[in-house]
Amino acid sequence: MASKNRSMLERSYIIGKDCTLHARPAAALLKIAKTHGCEVSLKTTKGWEKAGIMNLLLLKTTPGIKITLRADGGSEEECLAAIRLLLEGV
């Protein structure tokens, strides 16, 4: 089995007062990941799950809620920075 030499980046975010993860922001988050060549996972009560549109919508986020995301591959740092701007409503 091949080992991974690269590390994944993980960040936690507080959902901003002007953002909830309904369909449009969830799709924007996935587009950011794709643009940066990353696979994004989210931490749930069940562990880490791929951040697909349904998983993001099922979070039922509201402003002030903390979520944790992990990016793997591509431009991870830039990907998570762009996601931060989206989620925190900057």
C-alpha atoms as a PDB file:
ATOM      1  CA  MET A   1       0.000   0.000   0.000  1.00  0.00           C
ATOM      2  CA  ALA A   2       1.377   3.400  -0.996  1.00  0.00           C
ATOM      3  CA  SER A   3       1.781   5.917   1.788  1.00  0.00           C
ATOM      4  CA  LYS A   4       0.778   9.544   1.501  1.00  0.00           C
ATOM      5  CA  ASN A   5       3.686  11.918   1.903  1.00  0.00           C
ATOM      6  CA  ARG A   6       1.560  15.031   1.839  1.00  0.00           C
ATOM      7  CA  SER A   7      -0.488  16.302   4.712  1.00  0.00           C
ATOM      8  CA  MET A   8      -4.044  17.548   4.749  1.00  0.00           C
ATOM      9  CA  LEU A   9      -4.946  20.931   6.146  1.00  0.00           C
ATOM     10  CA  GLU A  10      -7.745  21.287   8.653  1.00  0.00           C
ATOM     11  CA  ARG A  11      -9.510  24.469   9.734  1.00  0.00           C
ATOM     12  CA  SER A  12     -12.471  25.359  11.917  1.00  0.00           C
ATOM     13  CA  TYR A  13     -14.803  28.192  11.005  1.00  0.00           C
ATOM     14  CA  ILE A  14     -17.578  30.106  12.703  1.00  0.00           C
ATOM     15  CA  ILE A  15     -20.481  30.644  10.301  1.00  0.00           C
ATOM     16  CA  GLY A  16     -20.900  34.390   9.796  1.00  0.00           C
ATOM     17  CA  LYS A  17     -24.059  36.343  10.542  1.00  0.00           C
ATOM     18  CA  ASP A  18     -24.835  36.674   6.831  1.00  0.00           C
ATOM     19  CA  CYS A  19     -24.218  33.043   5.855  1.00  0.00           C
ATOM     20  CA  THR A  20     -26.004  29.740   6.164  1.00  0.00           C
ATOM     21  CA  LEU A  21     -25.165  26.700   4.077  1.00  0.00           C
ATOM     22  CA  HIS A  22     -28.240  26.551   1.910  1.00  0.00           C
ATOM     23  CA  ALA A  23     -27.937  25.383  -1.710  1.00  0.00           C
ATOM     24  CA  ARG A  24     -26.150  28.387  -3.224  1.00  0.00           C
ATOM     25  CA  PRO A  25     -23.327  28.775  -0.637  1.00  0.00           C
ATOM     26  CA  ALA A  26     -22.910  24.983  -0.450  1.00  0.00           C
ATOM     27  CA  ALA A  27     -22.471  24.842  -4.220  1.00  0.00           C
ATOM     28  CA  ALA A  28     -20.029  27.781  -4.031  1.00  0.00           C
ATOM     29  CA  LEU A  29     -17.977  25.936  -1.401  1.00  0.00           C
ATOM     30  CA  LEU A  30     -17.730  22.871  -3.642  1.00  0.00           C
ATOM     31  CA  LYS A  31     -16.797  25.056  -6.614  1.00  0.00           C
ATOM     32  CA  ILE A  32     -13.987  26.625  -4.579  1.00  0.00           C
ATOM     33  CA  ALA A  33     -12.677  23.148  -3.736  1.00  0.00           C
ATOM     34  CA  LYS A  34     -12.815  22.070  -7.380  1.00  0.00           C
ATOM     35  CA  THR A  35     -11.126  25.268  -8.577  1.00  0.00           C
ATOM     36  CA  HIS A  36      -8.228  24.641  -6.180  1.00  0.00           C
ATOM     37  CA  GLY A  37      -8.006  20.919  -7.007  1.00  0.00           C
ATOM     38  CA  CYS A  38      -8.910  19.847  -3.474  1.00  0.00           C
ATOM     39  CA  GLU A  39     -11.171  17.271  -1.936  1.00  0.00           C
ATOM     40  CA  VAL A  40     -12.903  18.783   1.075  1.00  0.00           C
ATOM     41  CA  SER A  41     -14.201  16.757   4.016  1.00  0.00           C
ATOM     42  CA  LEU A  42     -16.268  17.913   6.947  1.00  0.00           C
ATOM     43  CA  LYS A  43     -16.240  16.733  10.526  1.00  0.00           C
ATOM     44  CA  THR A  44     -19.579  15.402  11.713  1.00  0.00           C
ATOM     45  CA  THR A  45     -20.733  13.480  14.742  1.00  0.00           C
ATOM     46  CA  LYS A  46     -20.019  10.322  12.705  1.00  0.00           C
ATOM     47  CA  GLY A  47     -16.425  11.356  11.887  1.00  0.00           C
ATOM     48  CA  TRP A  48     -15.039  12.769   8.640  1.00  0.00           C
ATOM     49  CA  GLU A  49     -17.294  12.736   5.576  1.00  0.00           C
ATOM     50  CA  LYS A  50     -16.752  13.981   2.045  1.00  0.00           C
ATOM     51  CA  ALA A  51     -18.232  17.457   1.660  1.00  0.00           C
ATOM     52  CA  GLY A  52     -20.899  16.751  -0.936  1.00  0.00           C
ATOM     53  CA  ILE A  53     -23.889  18.959  -1.547  1.00  0.00           C
ATOM     54  CA  MET A  54     -26.239  16.788   0.534  1.00  0.00           C
ATOM     55  CA  ASN A  55     -23.827  16.509   3.474  1.00  0.00           C
ATOM     56  CA  LEU A  56     -23.426  20.290   3.532  1.00  0.00           C
ATOM     57  CA  LEU A  57     -27.167  20.906   3.346  1.00  0.00           C
ATOM     58  CA  LEU A  58     -27.856  18.394   6.115  1.00  0.00           C
ATOM     59  CA  LEU A  59     -25.632  20.359   8.516  1.00  0.00           C
ATOM     60  CA  LYS A  60     -28.435  22.913   8.864  1.00  0.00           C
ATOM     61  CA  THR A  61     -25.960  25.589   9.841  1.00  0.00           C
ATOM     62  CA  THR A  62     -26.940  28.865  11.405  1.00  0.00           C
ATOM     63  CA  PRO A  63     -24.815  31.924  12.154  1.00  0.00           C
ATOM     64  CA  GLY A  64     -22.425  31.329  15.048  1.00  0.00           C
ATOM     65  CA  ILE A  65     -22.142  27.559  14.509  1.00  0.00           C
ATOM     66  CA  LYS A  66     -18.618  26.134  14.316  1.00  0.00           C
ATOM     67  CA  ILE A  67     -17.755  23.685  11.529  1.00  0.00           C
ATOM     68  CA  THR A  68     -14.459  21.957  10.799  1.00  0.00           C
ATOM     69  CA  LEU A  69     -13.267  21.263   7.270  1.00  0.00           C
ATOM     70  CA  ARG A  70     -10.275  19.411   5.886  1.00  0.00           C
ATOM     71  CA  ALA A  71      -8.744  19.970   2.425  1.00  0.00           C
ATOM     72  CA  ASP A  72      -6.559  17.442   0.643  1.00  0.00           C
ATOM     73  CA  GLY A  73      -4.660  17.891  -2.619  1.00  0.00           C
ATOM     74  CA  GLY A  74      -4.107  20.868  -4.864  1.00  0.00           C
ATOM     75  CA  SER A  75      -3.801  24.320  -3.304  1.00  0.00           C
ATOM     76  CA  GLU A  76      -5.070  23.440   0.169  1.00  0.00           C
ATOM     77  CA  GLU A  77      -4.100  26.675   1.913  1.00  0.00           C
ATOM     78  CA  GLU A  78      -5.674  28.869  -0.775  1.00  0.00           C
ATOM     79  CA  CYS A  79      -8.763  26.667  -0.881  1.00  0.00           C
ATOM     80  CA  LEU A  80      -9.391  26.925   2.860  1.00  0.00           C
ATOM     81  CA  ALA A  81      -8.710  30.677   2.827  1.00  0.00           C
ATOM     82  CA  ALA A  82     -11.348  31.163   0.105  1.00  0.00           C
ATOM     83  CA  ILE A  83     -13.803  28.959   2.008  1.00  0.00           C
ATOM     84  CA  ARG A  84     -13.195  31.053   5.142  1.00  0.00           C
ATOM     85  CA  LEU A  85     -14.177  34.202   3.246  1.00  0.00           C
ATOM     86  CA  LEU A  86     -17.363  32.494   2.050  1.00  0.00           C
ATOM     87  CA  LEU A  87     -18.398  31.065   5.430  1.00  0.00           C
ATOM     88  CA  GLU A  88     -17.500  34.022   7.582  1.00  0.00           C
ATOM     89  CA  GLY A  89     -19.289  36.392   5.214  1.00  0.00           C
ATOM     90  CA  VAL A  90     -16.229  38.555   4.631  1.00  0.00           C
END
